[in-house]
N, C-alpha and C. Protein backbone atom coordinates (compact mmCIF):
# COMPACT_ATOMS: atom_id res chain seq x y z
N MET A 1 -18.96 15.71 -19.21
CA MET A 1 -19.05 14.64 -18.08
C MET A 1 -19.80 15.22 -16.91
N ASN A 2 -20.75 14.53 -16.42
CA ASN A 2 -21.53 14.88 -15.25
C ASN A 2 -20.63 14.80 -13.95
N LEU A 3 -20.16 15.78 -13.41
CA LEU A 3 -19.21 15.78 -12.28
C LEU A 3 -20.11 15.60 -11.01
N ASN A 4 -21.28 15.74 -10.96
CA ASN A 4 -22.16 15.52 -9.84
C ASN A 4 -22.12 14.08 -9.43
N LYS A 5 -21.85 13.19 -10.29
CA LYS A 5 -21.61 11.65 -9.87
C LYS A 5 -20.69 11.49 -8.77
N PHE A 6 -19.65 12.44 -8.63
CA PHE A 6 -18.57 12.28 -7.60
C PHE A 6 -19.00 12.96 -6.23
N LEU A 7 -20.35 13.42 -6.24
CA LEU A 7 -20.74 14.12 -5.01
C LEU A 7 -21.91 13.51 -4.34
N PRO A 8 -22.22 13.58 -3.20
CA PRO A 8 -21.40 14.21 -2.09
C PRO A 8 -20.06 13.24 -1.89
N MET A 9 -19.05 13.82 -1.26
CA MET A 9 -18.01 12.97 -0.81
C MET A 9 -18.07 12.51 0.63
N THR A 10 -17.40 11.53 0.94
CA THR A 10 -17.30 11.11 2.35
C THR A 10 -16.35 12.20 3.07
N GLU A 11 -16.34 12.31 4.33
CA GLU A 11 -15.46 13.26 4.97
C GLU A 11 -13.97 12.83 4.71
N THR A 12 -13.79 11.54 4.85
CA THR A 12 -12.37 11.01 4.52
C THR A 12 -11.84 11.40 3.25
N THR A 13 -12.62 11.17 2.18
CA THR A 13 -12.25 11.39 0.80
C THR A 13 -12.08 12.85 0.59
N TYR A 14 -12.93 13.62 1.21
CA TYR A 14 -12.73 15.12 1.17
C TYR A 14 -11.44 15.53 1.77
N TYR A 15 -11.12 15.08 2.84
CA TYR A 15 -9.84 15.37 3.49
C TYR A 15 -8.73 14.91 2.71
N ILE A 16 -8.73 13.67 2.17
CA ILE A 16 -7.66 13.14 1.34
C ILE A 16 -7.37 14.08 0.16
N MET A 17 -8.45 14.35 -0.47
CA MET A 17 -8.31 15.28 -1.80
C MET A 17 -7.88 16.67 -1.35
N LEU A 18 -8.42 17.19 -0.25
CA LEU A 18 -7.81 18.49 0.20
C LEU A 18 -6.37 18.46 0.56
N SER A 19 -5.90 17.32 0.96
CA SER A 19 -4.47 17.17 1.34
C SER A 19 -3.62 17.23 0.09
N LEU A 20 -4.29 16.82 -1.02
CA LEU A 20 -3.47 16.75 -2.13
C LEU A 20 -3.60 17.95 -3.20
N VAL A 21 -4.11 19.21 -2.62
CA VAL A 21 -3.89 20.30 -3.30
C VAL A 21 -2.45 20.45 -3.68
N GLU A 22 -1.53 20.11 -2.93
CA GLU A 22 -0.16 20.12 -3.16
C GLU A 22 0.29 18.62 -3.19
N PRO A 23 1.19 18.22 -4.06
CA PRO A 23 1.54 16.75 -4.00
C PRO A 23 2.17 16.36 -2.66
N LEU A 24 1.77 15.05 -2.35
CA LEU A 24 2.14 14.53 -1.05
C LEU A 24 2.15 12.95 -1.17
N HIS A 25 2.97 12.45 -0.27
CA HIS A 25 3.11 10.99 -0.11
C HIS A 25 2.10 10.36 0.80
N GLY A 26 1.82 9.14 0.85
CA GLY A 26 0.85 8.40 1.71
C GLY A 26 0.86 8.80 3.17
N TYR A 27 1.98 8.69 3.75
CA TYR A 27 2.13 8.99 5.15
C TYR A 27 1.87 10.41 5.35
N GLY A 28 2.42 11.37 4.50
CA GLY A 28 2.14 12.80 4.67
C GLY A 28 0.63 13.12 4.59
N ILE A 29 -0.15 12.29 3.77
CA ILE A 29 -1.62 12.50 3.52
C ILE A 29 -2.27 12.20 4.97
N MET A 30 -1.77 10.95 5.35
CA MET A 30 -2.48 10.62 6.72
C MET A 30 -2.23 11.68 7.83
N GLN A 31 -1.01 12.17 7.98
CA GLN A 31 -0.70 13.30 8.85
C GLN A 31 -1.52 14.56 8.64
N GLN A 32 -1.55 14.94 7.22
CA GLN A 32 -2.24 16.14 6.90
C GLN A 32 -3.81 16.07 7.29
N VAL A 33 -4.31 14.96 6.96
CA VAL A 33 -5.82 14.71 7.28
C VAL A 33 -6.06 14.83 8.74
N LYS A 34 -5.11 14.25 9.54
CA LYS A 34 -5.24 14.28 11.02
C LYS A 34 -5.18 15.73 11.47
N THR A 35 -4.29 16.54 10.98
CA THR A 35 -4.22 17.95 11.25
C THR A 35 -5.42 18.70 10.87
N LEU A 36 -5.64 18.74 9.64
CA LEU A 36 -6.77 19.50 9.01
C LEU A 36 -8.14 19.10 9.87
N SER A 37 -8.28 17.83 10.13
CA SER A 37 -9.48 17.56 10.93
C SER A 37 -9.44 17.80 12.45
N GLY A 38 -8.32 18.33 12.87
CA GLY A 38 -8.15 18.63 14.29
C GLY A 38 -8.18 17.27 15.15
N GLY A 39 -7.63 16.19 14.50
CA GLY A 39 -7.49 15.03 15.11
C GLY A 39 -8.84 14.07 15.00
N HIS A 40 -9.88 14.57 14.44
CA HIS A 40 -11.06 13.88 14.37
C HIS A 40 -11.19 12.69 13.36
N VAL A 41 -10.34 12.81 12.38
CA VAL A 41 -10.24 11.95 11.23
C VAL A 41 -8.79 11.34 11.25
N ASP A 42 -8.65 10.12 11.79
CA ASP A 42 -7.42 9.27 11.70
C ASP A 42 -7.41 8.19 10.82
N ILE A 43 -6.87 8.33 9.69
CA ILE A 43 -7.00 7.17 8.64
C ILE A 43 -5.93 6.04 8.78
N ALA A 44 -6.40 4.86 8.82
CA ALA A 44 -5.58 3.74 9.03
C ALA A 44 -4.92 3.59 7.53
N PRO A 45 -3.63 3.06 7.50
CA PRO A 45 -2.87 2.75 6.26
C PRO A 45 -3.73 2.06 5.24
N GLY A 46 -4.45 1.02 5.56
CA GLY A 46 -5.22 0.20 4.68
C GLY A 46 -6.33 0.99 4.11
N THR A 47 -7.04 1.69 4.78
CA THR A 47 -8.19 2.47 4.37
C THR A 47 -7.67 3.59 3.41
N MET A 48 -6.51 4.33 3.81
CA MET A 48 -5.96 5.29 2.92
C MET A 48 -5.62 4.79 1.66
N TYR A 49 -4.81 3.73 1.55
CA TYR A 49 -4.33 3.32 0.30
C TYR A 49 -5.39 2.83 -0.54
N GLY A 50 -6.42 2.15 0.10
CA GLY A 50 -7.69 1.69 -0.71
C GLY A 50 -8.37 2.87 -1.33
N ALA A 51 -8.44 4.13 -0.52
CA ALA A 51 -9.09 5.16 -0.98
C ALA A 51 -8.19 5.85 -2.21
N LEU A 52 -6.96 5.87 -1.91
CA LEU A 52 -6.02 6.34 -3.10
C LEU A 52 -6.26 5.64 -4.43
N GLU A 53 -6.21 4.32 -4.24
CA GLU A 53 -6.53 3.46 -5.62
C GLU A 53 -7.96 3.87 -6.11
N ASN A 54 -8.96 3.99 -5.34
CA ASN A 54 -10.15 4.29 -5.87
C ASN A 54 -10.23 5.67 -6.60
N LEU A 55 -9.43 6.67 -5.84
CA LEU A 55 -9.54 8.05 -6.50
C LEU A 55 -8.65 8.01 -7.70
N LYS A 56 -7.67 7.16 -7.87
CA LYS A 56 -6.79 7.03 -9.10
C LYS A 56 -7.67 6.39 -10.19
N LYS A 57 -8.52 5.31 -9.80
CA LYS A 57 -9.42 4.72 -10.91
C LYS A 57 -10.42 5.78 -11.34
N GLN A 58 -10.84 6.69 -10.53
CA GLN A 58 -11.89 7.62 -10.96
C GLN A 58 -11.09 8.89 -11.70
N ALA A 59 -9.83 8.90 -11.68
CA ALA A 59 -9.04 9.98 -12.44
C ALA A 59 -9.10 11.28 -11.70
N LEU A 60 -9.34 11.21 -10.38
CA LEU A 60 -9.38 12.40 -9.55
C LEU A 60 -7.95 12.64 -9.01
N ILE A 61 -7.13 11.67 -8.81
CA ILE A 61 -5.74 12.01 -8.49
C ILE A 61 -4.87 11.13 -9.34
N THR A 62 -3.49 11.41 -9.37
CA THR A 62 -2.58 10.85 -10.18
C THR A 62 -1.31 10.56 -9.40
N LEU A 63 -0.54 9.62 -9.71
CA LEU A 63 0.73 9.30 -9.18
C LEU A 63 1.75 10.28 -10.00
N VAL A 64 2.45 11.09 -9.19
CA VAL A 64 3.37 12.00 -9.81
C VAL A 64 4.78 11.69 -9.62
N ALA A 65 5.07 10.89 -8.77
CA ALA A 65 6.57 10.51 -8.55
C ALA A 65 6.57 9.27 -7.66
N GLU A 66 7.72 8.50 -7.88
CA GLU A 66 7.89 7.46 -6.85
C GLU A 66 9.29 7.35 -6.42
N ASP A 67 9.52 7.23 -5.14
CA ASP A 67 10.87 7.17 -4.69
C ASP A 67 10.94 5.65 -4.15
N ASP A 68 11.77 4.95 -5.05
CA ASP A 68 11.90 3.57 -4.60
C ASP A 68 12.60 3.31 -3.39
N GLU A 69 13.56 4.11 -3.18
CA GLU A 69 14.51 3.96 -2.03
C GLU A 69 13.65 4.06 -0.77
N LYS A 70 12.83 4.98 -0.53
CA LYS A 70 12.04 5.31 0.55
C LYS A 70 10.65 4.67 0.41
N ARG A 71 10.33 3.87 -0.71
CA ARG A 71 9.06 3.26 -0.90
C ARG A 71 7.83 4.20 -0.79
N ARG A 72 7.99 5.40 -1.36
CA ARG A 72 6.94 6.59 -1.24
C ARG A 72 6.58 6.72 -2.56
N LYS A 73 5.24 6.94 -2.72
CA LYS A 73 4.55 7.36 -3.82
C LYS A 73 3.96 8.67 -3.59
N ILE A 74 4.13 9.70 -4.42
CA ILE A 74 3.60 10.89 -4.38
C ILE A 74 2.41 11.17 -5.38
N TYR A 75 1.34 11.66 -4.68
CA TYR A 75 0.19 11.75 -5.48
C TYR A 75 -0.28 13.23 -5.55
N SER A 76 -1.04 13.63 -6.58
CA SER A 76 -1.58 15.09 -6.74
C SER A 76 -3.04 14.88 -7.28
N LEU A 77 -3.71 16.02 -7.00
CA LEU A 77 -5.00 16.05 -7.79
C LEU A 77 -4.84 16.25 -9.36
N THR A 78 -5.65 15.58 -10.08
CA THR A 78 -5.76 15.92 -11.42
C THR A 78 -6.62 17.19 -11.68
N GLU A 79 -6.78 17.62 -12.84
CA GLU A 79 -7.57 18.88 -13.17
C GLU A 79 -8.93 18.54 -12.83
N LEU A 80 -9.44 17.24 -13.20
CA LEU A 80 -10.82 16.73 -12.73
C LEU A 80 -10.97 16.69 -11.37
N GLY A 81 -9.97 16.35 -10.62
CA GLY A 81 -9.93 16.33 -9.08
C GLY A 81 -10.05 17.65 -8.49
N GLN A 82 -9.41 18.63 -9.16
CA GLN A 82 -9.45 20.06 -8.58
C GLN A 82 -10.99 20.61 -8.83
N GLN A 83 -11.53 20.22 -9.99
CA GLN A 83 -13.01 20.72 -10.21
C GLN A 83 -13.88 20.08 -9.24
N VAL A 84 -13.67 18.75 -8.96
CA VAL A 84 -14.62 18.05 -8.06
C VAL A 84 -14.44 18.60 -6.64
N ILE A 85 -13.25 18.80 -6.15
CA ILE A 85 -13.02 19.25 -4.74
C ILE A 85 -13.64 20.65 -4.56
N ARG A 86 -13.66 21.63 -5.61
CA ARG A 86 -14.16 22.92 -5.57
C ARG A 86 -15.67 22.84 -5.67
N MET A 87 -16.22 21.80 -6.38
CA MET A 87 -17.68 21.62 -6.40
C MET A 87 -18.07 21.12 -5.09
N GLU A 88 -17.41 20.18 -4.41
CA GLU A 88 -17.86 19.74 -3.06
C GLU A 88 -17.80 20.93 -1.99
N PHE A 89 -16.68 21.80 -2.15
CA PHE A 89 -16.63 22.88 -1.30
C PHE A 89 -17.73 23.83 -1.52
N GLN A 90 -18.22 24.18 -2.72
CA GLN A 90 -19.27 25.05 -2.92
C GLN A 90 -20.66 24.43 -2.46
N ARG A 91 -20.64 23.05 -2.58
CA ARG A 91 -21.99 22.36 -2.13
C ARG A 91 -22.11 22.56 -0.56
N MET A 92 -21.01 22.34 0.11
CA MET A 92 -20.86 22.42 1.57
C MET A 92 -21.14 23.90 2.05
N LYS A 93 -20.50 24.93 1.31
CA LYS A 93 -20.88 26.32 1.60
C LYS A 93 -22.39 26.49 1.58
N ASN A 94 -23.00 25.98 0.49
CA ASN A 94 -24.44 26.24 0.29
C ASN A 94 -25.22 25.63 1.57
N LEU A 95 -24.75 24.40 1.90
CA LEU A 95 -25.40 23.84 3.03
C LEU A 95 -25.28 24.65 4.32
N VAL A 96 -24.26 25.11 4.48
CA VAL A 96 -23.94 25.92 5.64
C VAL A 96 -24.80 27.24 5.66
N ALA A 97 -24.82 27.85 4.45
CA ALA A 97 -25.58 29.14 4.38
C ALA A 97 -27.02 28.85 4.61
N VAL A 98 -27.52 27.88 3.94
CA VAL A 98 -29.11 27.61 4.17
C VAL A 98 -29.25 27.24 5.68
N SER A 99 -28.42 26.36 6.19
CA SER A 99 -28.55 25.87 7.63
C SER A 99 -28.51 27.17 8.59
N SER A 100 -27.62 28.05 8.24
CA SER A 100 -27.42 29.18 9.18
C SER A 100 -28.65 30.04 9.14
N GLN A 101 -29.30 30.20 7.96
CA GLN A 101 -30.43 31.12 7.77
C GLN A 101 -31.57 30.48 8.72
N ILE A 102 -31.71 29.26 8.83
CA ILE A 102 -32.76 28.63 9.46
C ILE A 102 -32.40 28.41 10.96
N LEU A 103 -31.30 27.89 11.13
CA LEU A 103 -30.94 27.46 12.56
C LEU A 103 -30.66 28.70 13.50
N GLU A 104 -29.87 29.66 12.88
CA GLU A 104 -29.56 30.77 13.79
C GLU A 104 -30.87 31.65 14.14
N ARG A 105 -31.89 31.53 13.33
CA ARG A 105 -33.23 32.19 13.77
C ARG A 105 -33.66 31.70 14.97
N GLN A 106 -33.47 30.39 15.20
CA GLN A 106 -34.16 29.65 16.41
C GLN A 106 -33.39 29.82 17.53
N ALA A 107 -32.18 30.38 17.49
CA ALA A 107 -31.35 30.47 18.63
C ALA A 107 -31.73 31.53 19.61
C-alpha cells in the first residue's frame, strides 16, 4: 500500500492522530489538541467528530471501547495510523532541516 497518499496531513488531523498515540475519547482529544498546540488549534465538536469518522474510514484509527453510560467512544491509532503519523513526523523533520540550512544562513 502506498502510504504517501495520506500525506501531507492538515495540522488538525496531525494533532488528532498525535493525541491518539494513547487511547482517548472525543472530548479528551479536543482538550489534548488544544494543549499540544499551545491553544492555537481549538477543534469544534462537529469538526472533530467528522475528522474521526474520516480517519476511521481510512483505517488510521479504530474505536476501541464505548461507554454507553457516559456516551463516550474511545479511539486509538491502528498500526497503519502509527506508520502514517511517523511518516508525517519524518516529513516535517526533513522540512525543518532543509529550511534551517537555508534560512539560518540568511539571519
